[in-house]
Amino acid sequence: MLTDRQMRIIRSAREWTAEYGEAPSVRELATAVGVSSTSSIVYQLRRLREIGIEIETRGRPSRRCPHCGH
């Protein structure tokens, strides 16, 4: 079960990517979600990865294959 904050992070990341054509930075994502602490966002991104939900952010290399996305 996702928390309200995790759902806001997912929604904000999707909206940011749709609007700007690139993933948000952690700081931009924190601002979009309404959280002042970037460490809180980093923690939530880690928790989401643990349950299989990968949220891309700028400044962090992706673990996905650049060719097939897996």
PDB file of N, CA and C in Angstrom:
ATOM      1  N   MET A   1       0.840  -1.176   0.000  1.00  0.00           N
ATOM      2  CA  MET A   1       0.000   0.000   0.000  1.00  0.00           C
ATOM      3  C   MET A   1       0.888   1.244   0.000  1.00  0.00           C
ATOM      4  N   LEU A   2       0.600   2.148  -0.894  1.00  0.00           N
ATOM      5  CA  LEU A   2       1.368   3.380  -0.984  1.00  0.00           C
ATOM      6  C   LEU A   2       0.820   4.430  -0.021  1.00  0.00           C
ATOM      7  N   THR A   3       1.741   5.205   0.543  1.00  0.00           N
ATOM      8  CA  THR A   3       1.323   6.301   1.406  1.00  0.00           C
ATOM      9  C   THR A   3       0.883   7.483   0.542  1.00  0.00           C
ATOM     10  N   ASP A   4       0.225   8.442   1.170  1.00  0.00           N
ATOM     11  CA  ASP A   4      -0.201   9.639   0.462  1.00  0.00           C
ATOM     12  C   ASP A   4       1.005  10.371  -0.125  1.00  0.00           C
ATOM     13  N   ARG A   5       2.071  10.480   0.646  1.00  0.00           N
ATOM     14  CA  ARG A   5       3.276  11.172   0.166  1.00  0.00           C
ATOM     15  C   ARG A   5       3.885  10.436  -1.028  1.00  0.00           C
ATOM     16  N   GLN A   6       3.936   9.111  -0.978  1.00  0.00           N
ATOM     17  CA  GLN A   6       4.477   8.348  -2.097  1.00  0.00           C
ATOM     18  C   GLN A   6       3.637   8.552  -3.355  1.00  0.00           C
ATOM     19  N   MET A   7       2.327   8.583  -3.204  1.00  0.00           N
ATOM     20  CA  MET A   7       1.458   8.819  -4.360  1.00  0.00           C
ATOM     21  C   MET A   7       1.673  10.224  -4.910  1.00  0.00           C
ATOM     22  N   ARG A   8       1.870  11.206  -4.027  1.00  0.00           N
ATOM     23  CA  ARG A   8       2.141  12.573  -4.489  1.00  0.00           C
ATOM     24  C   ARG A   8       3.475  12.653  -5.223  1.00  0.00           C
ATOM     25  N   ILE A   9       4.467  11.913  -4.755  1.00  0.00           N
ATOM     26  CA  ILE A   9       5.771  11.886  -5.423  1.00  0.00           C
ATOM     27  C   ILE A   9       5.630  11.303  -6.826  1.00  0.00           C
ATOM     28  N   ILE A  10       4.943  10.188  -6.939  1.00  0.00           N
ATOM     29  CA  ILE A  10       4.750   9.553  -8.249  1.00  0.00           C
ATOM     30  C   ILE A  10       4.012  10.490  -9.195  1.00  0.00           C
ATOM     31  N   ARG A  11       2.920  11.070  -8.723  1.00  0.00           N
ATOM     32  CA  ARG A  11       2.121  11.975  -9.550  1.00  0.00           C
ATOM     33  C   ARG A  11       2.938  13.202  -9.960  1.00  0.00           C
ATOM     34  N   SER A  12       3.655  13.785  -9.019  1.00  0.00           N
ATOM     35  CA  SER A  12       4.451  14.980  -9.314  1.00  0.00           C
ATOM     36  C   SER A  12       5.569  14.685 -10.308  1.00  0.00           C
ATOM     37  N   ALA A  13       6.217  13.531 -10.171  1.00  0.00           N
ATOM     38  CA  ALA A  13       7.292  13.158 -11.101  1.00  0.00           C
ATOM     39  C   ALA A  13       6.734  12.974 -12.514  1.00  0.00           C
ATOM     40  N   ARG A  14       5.583  12.346 -12.637  1.00  0.00           N
ATOM     41  CA  ARG A  14       4.961  12.156 -13.957  1.00  0.00           C
ATOM     42  C   ARG A  14       4.560  13.487 -14.570  1.00  0.00           C
ATOM     43  N   GLU A  15       3.961  14.365 -13.755  1.00  0.00           N
ATOM     44  CA  GLU A  15       3.541  15.673 -14.254  1.00  0.00           C
ATOM     45  C   GLU A  15       4.744  16.508 -14.678  1.00  0.00           C
ATOM     46  N   TRP A  16       5.821  16.475 -13.895  1.00  0.00           N
ATOM     47  CA  TRP A  16       7.026  17.225 -14.216  1.00  0.00           C
ATOM     48  C   TRP A  16       7.604  16.743 -15.548  1.00  0.00           C
ATOM     49  N   THR A  17       7.705  15.426 -15.694  1.00  0.00           N
ATOM     50  CA  THR A  17       8.263  14.855 -16.916  1.00  0.00           C
ATOM     51  C   THR A  17       7.408  15.210 -18.121  1.00  0.00           C
ATOM     52  N   ALA A  18       6.091  15.167 -17.969  1.00  0.00           N
ATOM     53  CA  ALA A  18       5.196  15.523 -19.071  1.00  0.00           C
ATOM     54  C   ALA A  18       5.342  16.998 -19.449  1.00  0.00           C
ATOM     55  N   GLU A  19       5.507  17.851 -18.449  1.00  0.00           N
ATOM     56  CA  GLU A  19       5.590  19.291 -18.716  1.00  0.00           C
ATOM     57  C   GLU A  19       6.946  19.730 -19.255  1.00  0.00           C
ATOM     58  N   TYR A  20       8.029  19.189 -18.692  1.00  0.00           N
ATOM     59  CA  TYR A  20       9.368  19.660 -19.033  1.00  0.00           C
ATOM     60  C   TYR A  20      10.158  18.698 -19.925  1.00  0.00           C
ATOM     61  N   GLY A  21       9.670  17.505 -20.143  1.00  0.00           N
ATOM     62  CA  GLY A  21      10.352  16.564 -21.022  1.00  0.00           C
ATOM     63  C   GLY A  21      11.573  15.909 -20.419  1.00  0.00           C
ATOM     64  N   GLU A  22      11.762  16.044 -19.123  1.00  0.00           N
ATOM     65  CA  GLU A  22      12.879  15.399 -18.431  1.00  0.00           C
ATOM     66  C   GLU A  22      12.473  15.150 -16.982  1.00  0.00           C
ATOM     67  N   ALA A  23      13.212  14.268 -16.344  1.00  0.00           N
ATOM     68  CA  ALA A  23      12.908  13.945 -14.944  1.00  0.00           C
ATOM     69  C   ALA A  23      13.281  15.129 -14.047  1.00  0.00           C
ATOM     70  N   PRO A  24      12.569  15.299 -12.944  1.00  0.00           N
ATOM     71  CA  PRO A  24      12.910  16.371 -12.008  1.00  0.00           C
ATOM     72  C   PRO A  24      14.124  16.003 -11.172  1.00  0.00           C
ATOM     73  N   SER A  25      14.799  17.010 -10.639  1.00  0.00           N
ATOM     74  CA  SER A  25      15.844  16.755  -9.645  1.00  0.00           C
ATOM     75  C   SER A  25      15.139  16.441  -8.322  1.00  0.00           C
ATOM     76  N   VAL A  26      15.872  15.954  -7.354  1.00  0.00           N
ATOM     77  CA  VAL A  26      15.282  15.659  -6.047  1.00  0.00           C
ATOM     78  C   VAL A  26      14.718  16.940  -5.435  1.00  0.00           C
ATOM     79  N   ARG A  27      15.452  18.039  -5.556  1.00  0.00           N
ATOM     80  CA  ARG A  27      14.991  19.313  -4.994  1.00  0.00           C
ATOM     81  C   ARG A  27      13.713  19.785  -5.689  1.00  0.00           C
ATOM     82  N   GLU A  28      13.663  19.675  -7.013  1.00  0.00           N
ATOM     83  CA  GLU A  28      12.454  20.067  -7.749  1.00  0.00           C
ATOM     84  C   GLU A  28      11.271  19.191  -7.361  1.00  0.00           C
ATOM     85  N   LEU A  29      11.526  17.907  -7.167  1.00  0.00           N
ATOM     86  CA  LEU A  29      10.474  16.993  -6.754  1.00  0.00           C
ATOM     87  C   LEU A  29       9.979  17.346  -5.349  1.00  0.00           C
ATOM     88  N   ALA A  30      10.894  17.689  -4.457  1.00  0.00           N
ATOM     89  CA  ALA A  30      10.507  18.083  -3.094  1.00  0.00           C
ATOM     90  C   ALA A  30       9.618  19.319  -3.138  1.00  0.00           C
ATOM     91  N   THR A  31       9.986  20.299  -3.954  1.00  0.00           N
ATOM     92  CA  THR A  31       9.184  21.518  -4.083  1.00  0.00           C
ATOM     93  C   THR A  31       7.810  21.205  -4.649  1.00  0.00           C
ATOM     94  N   ALA A  32       7.760  20.353  -5.668  1.00  0.00           N
ATOM     95  CA  ALA A  32       6.485  20.001  -6.297  1.00  0.00           C
ATOM     96  C   ALA A  32       5.557  19.270  -5.328  1.00  0.00           C
ATOM     97  N   VAL A  33       6.141  18.458  -4.448  1.00  0.00           N
ATOM     98  CA  VAL A  33       5.351  17.691  -3.486  1.00  0.00           C
ATOM     99  C   VAL A  33       4.974  18.546  -2.279  1.00  0.00           C
ATOM    100  N   GLY A  34       5.740  19.611  -2.047  1.00  0.00           N
ATOM    101  CA  GLY A  34       5.468  20.480  -0.905  1.00  0.00           C
ATOM    102  C   GLY A  34       6.223  20.072   0.338  1.00  0.00           C
ATOM    103  N   VAL A  35       7.406  19.497   0.153  1.00  0.00           N
ATOM    104  CA  VAL A  35       8.246  19.044   1.261  1.00  0.00           C
ATOM    105  C   VAL A  35       9.519  19.881   1.248  1.00  0.00           C
ATOM    106  N   SER A  36       9.950  20.360   2.400  1.00  0.00           N
ATOM    107  CA  SER A  36      11.152  21.190   2.441  1.00  0.00           C
ATOM    108  C   SER A  36      12.440  20.369   2.497  1.00  0.00           C
ATOM    109  N   SER A  37      12.349  19.128   2.922  1.00  0.00           N
ATOM    110  CA  SER A  37      13.531  18.289   3.106  1.00  0.00           C
ATOM    111  C   SER A  37      13.756  17.361   1.907  1.00  0.00           C
ATOM    112  N   THR A  38      14.901  17.517   1.254  1.00  0.00           N
ATOM    113  CA  THR A  38      15.216  16.603   0.149  1.00  0.00           C
ATOM    114  C   THR A  38      15.511  15.201   0.679  1.00  0.00           C
ATOM    115  N   SER A  39      16.009  15.102   1.916  1.00  0.00           N
ATOM    116  CA  SER A  39      16.298  13.777   2.470  1.00  0.00           C
ATOM    117  C   SER A  39      15.010  12.963   2.626  1.00  0.00           C
ATOM    118  N   SER A  40      13.903  13.626   2.885  1.00  0.00           N
ATOM    119  CA  SER A  40      12.619  12.933   2.959  1.00  0.00           C
ATOM    120  C   SER A  40      12.241  12.341   1.599  1.00  0.00           C
ATOM    121  N   ILE A  41      12.500  13.090   0.550  1.00  0.00           N
ATOM    122  CA  ILE A  41      12.215  12.600  -0.808  1.00  0.00           C
ATOM    123  C   ILE A  41      13.132  11.422  -1.140  1.00  0.00           C
ATOM    124  N   VAL A  42      14.416  11.548  -0.810  1.00  0.00           N
ATOM    125  CA  VAL A  42      15.367  10.458  -1.067  1.00  0.00           C
ATOM    126  C   VAL A  42      14.925   9.195  -0.338  1.00  0.00           C
ATOM    127  N   TYR A  43      14.488   9.336   0.895  1.00  0.00           N
ATOM    128  CA  TYR A  43      13.997   8.192   1.667  1.00  0.00           C
ATOM    129  C   TYR A  43      12.787   7.551   0.982  1.00  0.00           C
ATOM    130  N   GLN A  44      11.842   8.374   0.572  1.00  0.00           N
ATOM    131  CA  GLN A  44      10.642   7.838  -0.080  1.00  0.00           C
ATOM    132  C   GLN A  44      10.975   7.193  -1.423  1.00  0.00           C
ATOM    133  N   LEU A  45      11.917   7.769  -2.178  1.00  0.00           N
ATOM    134  CA  LEU A  45      12.332   7.162  -3.450  1.00  0.00           C
ATOM    135  C   LEU A  45      12.957   5.789  -3.210  1.00  0.00           C
ATOM    136  N   ARG A  46      13.742   5.674  -2.135  1.00  0.00           N
ATOM    137  CA  ARG A  46      14.343   4.379  -1.782  1.00  0.00           C
ATOM    138  C   ARG A  46      13.263   3.359  -1.426  1.00  0.00           C
ATOM    139  N   ARG A  47      12.274   3.790  -0.635  1.00  0.00           N
ATOM    140  CA  ARG A  47      11.171   2.894  -0.262  1.00  0.00           C
ATOM    141  C   ARG A  47      10.391   2.453  -1.509  1.00  0.00           C
ATOM    142  N   LEU A  48      10.154   3.385  -2.433  1.00  0.00           N
ATOM    143  CA  LEU A  48       9.435   3.040  -3.662  1.00  0.00           C
ATOM    144  C   LEU A  48      10.237   2.033  -4.487  1.00  0.00           C
ATOM    145  N   ARG A  49      11.570   2.224  -4.580  1.00  0.00           N
ATOM    146  CA  ARG A  49      12.407   1.261  -5.319  1.00  0.00           C
ATOM    147  C   ARG A  49      12.331  -0.121  -4.697  1.00  0.00           C
ATOM    148  N   GLU A  50      12.273  -0.174  -3.364  1.00  0.00           N
ATOM    149  CA  GLU A  50      12.202  -1.467  -2.671  1.00  0.00           C
ATOM    150  C   GLU A  50      10.946  -2.247  -3.032  1.00  0.00           C
ATOM    151  N   ILE A  51       9.870  -1.551  -3.383  1.00  0.00           N
ATOM    152  CA  ILE A  51       8.641  -2.255  -3.758  1.00  0.00           C
ATOM    153  C   ILE A  51       8.472  -2.318  -5.277  1.00  0.00           C
ATOM    154  N   GLY A  52       9.535  -1.940  -6.003  1.00  0.00           N
ATOM    155  CA  GLY A  52       9.532  -2.110  -7.449  1.00  0.00           C
ATOM    156  C   GLY A  52       9.067  -0.919  -8.265  1.00  0.00           C
ATOM    157  N   ILE A  53       8.963   0.247  -7.651  1.00  0.00           N
ATOM    158  CA  ILE A  53       8.552   1.450  -8.384  1.00  0.00           C
ATOM    159  C   ILE A  53       9.765   2.358  -8.513  1.00  0.00           C
ATOM    160  N   GLU A  54      10.235   2.534  -9.730  1.00  0.00           N
ATOM    161  CA  GLU A  54      11.419   3.339  -9.997  1.00  0.00           C
ATOM    162  C   GLU A  54      10.999   4.725 -10.471  1.00  0.00           C
ATOM    163  N   ILE A  55      11.408   5.749  -9.738  1.00  0.00           N
ATOM    164  CA  ILE A  55      11.141   7.135 -10.104  1.00  0.00           C
ATOM    165  C   ILE A  55      12.468   7.747 -10.527  1.00  0.00           C
ATOM    166  N   GLU A  56      12.550   8.164 -11.776  1.00  0.00           N
ATOM    167  CA  GLU A  56      13.774   8.778 -12.277  1.00  0.00           C
ATOM    168  C   GLU A  56      13.901  10.209 -11.749  1.00  0.00           C
ATOM    169  N   THR A  57      15.114  10.571 -11.375  1.00  0.00           N
ATOM    170  CA  THR A  57      15.421  11.953 -11.023  1.00  0.00           C
ATOM    171  C   THR A  57      16.721  12.330 -11.710  1.00  0.00           C
ATOM    172  N   ARG A  58      16.852  13.597 -12.039  1.00  0.00           N
ATOM    173  CA  ARG A  58      18.110  14.061 -12.628  1.00  0.00           C
ATOM    174  C   ARG A  58      19.175  14.046 -11.547  1.00  0.00           C
ATOM    175  N   GLY A  59      20.409  13.791 -11.959  1.00  0.00           N
ATOM    176  CA  GLY A  59      21.508  13.789 -11.007  1.00  0.00           C
ATOM    177  C   GLY A  59      21.785  12.424 -10.416  1.00  0.00           C
ATOM    178  N   ARG A  60      20.966  11.449 -10.736  1.00  0.00           N
ATOM    179  CA  ARG A  60      21.167  10.082 -10.255  1.00  0.00           C
ATOM    180  C   ARG A  60      21.130   9.165 -11.468  1.00  0.00           C
ATOM    181  N   PRO A  61      22.171   8.401 -11.694  1.00  0.00           N
ATOM    182  CA  PRO A  61      22.170   7.521 -12.856  1.00  0.00           C
ATOM    183  C   PRO A  61      21.075   6.461 -12.769  1.00  0.00           C
ATOM    184  N   SER A  62      20.492   6.190 -13.885  1.00  0.00           N
ATOM    185  CA  SER A  62      19.444   5.180 -13.951  1.00  0.00           C
ATOM    186  C   SER A  62      20.058   3.794 -13.978  1.00  0.00           C
ATOM    187  N   ARG A  63      19.360   2.835 -13.394  1.00  0.00           N
ATOM    188  CA  ARG A  63      19.807   1.440 -13.473  1.00  0.00           C
ATOM    189  C   ARG A  63      19.181   0.740 -14.668  1.00  0.00           C
ATOM    190  N   ARG A  64      18.410   1.487 -15.440  1.00  0.00           N
ATOM    191  CA  ARG A  64      17.754   0.898 -16.611  1.00  0.00           C
ATOM    192  C   ARG A  64      18.700   0.866 -17.801  1.00  0.00           C
ATOM    193  N   CYS A  65      18.488  -0.118 -18.664  1.00  0.00           N
ATOM    194  CA  CYS A  65      19.233  -0.208 -19.900  1.00  0.00           C
ATOM    195  C   CYS A  65      18.812   0.959 -20.808  1.00  0.00           C
ATOM    196  N   PRO A  66      19.766   1.739 -21.338  1.00  0.00           N
ATOM    197  CA  PRO A  66      19.389   2.878 -22.173  1.00  0.00           C
ATOM    198  C   PRO A  66      18.761   2.464 -23.499  1.00  0.00           C
ATOM    199  N   HIS A  67      18.889   1.193 -23.870  1.00  0.00           N
ATOM    200  CA  HIS A  67      18.394   0.726 -25.158  1.00  0.00           C
ATOM    201  C   HIS A  67      16.985   0.145 -25.075  1.00  0.00           C
ATOM    202  N   CYS A  68      16.731  -0.648 -24.035  1.00  0.00           N
ATOM    203  CA  CYS A  68      15.422  -1.314 -23.961  1.00  0.00           C
ATOM    204  C   CYS A  68      14.583  -0.867 -22.768  1.00  0.00           C
ATOM    205  N   GLY A  69      15.180  -0.127 -21.835  1.00  0.00           N
ATOM    206  CA  GLY A  69      14.423   0.363 -20.689  1.00  0.00           C
ATOM    207  C   GLY A  69      14.293  -0.629 -19.541  1.00  0.00           C
ATOM    208  N   HIS A  70      14.904  -1.792 -19.644  1.00  0.00           N
ATOM    209  CA  HIS A  70      14.833  -2.786 -18.561  1.00  0.00           C
ATOM    210  C   HIS A  70      16.092  -2.814 -17.758  1.00  0.00           C
TER     211      HIS A  70
END
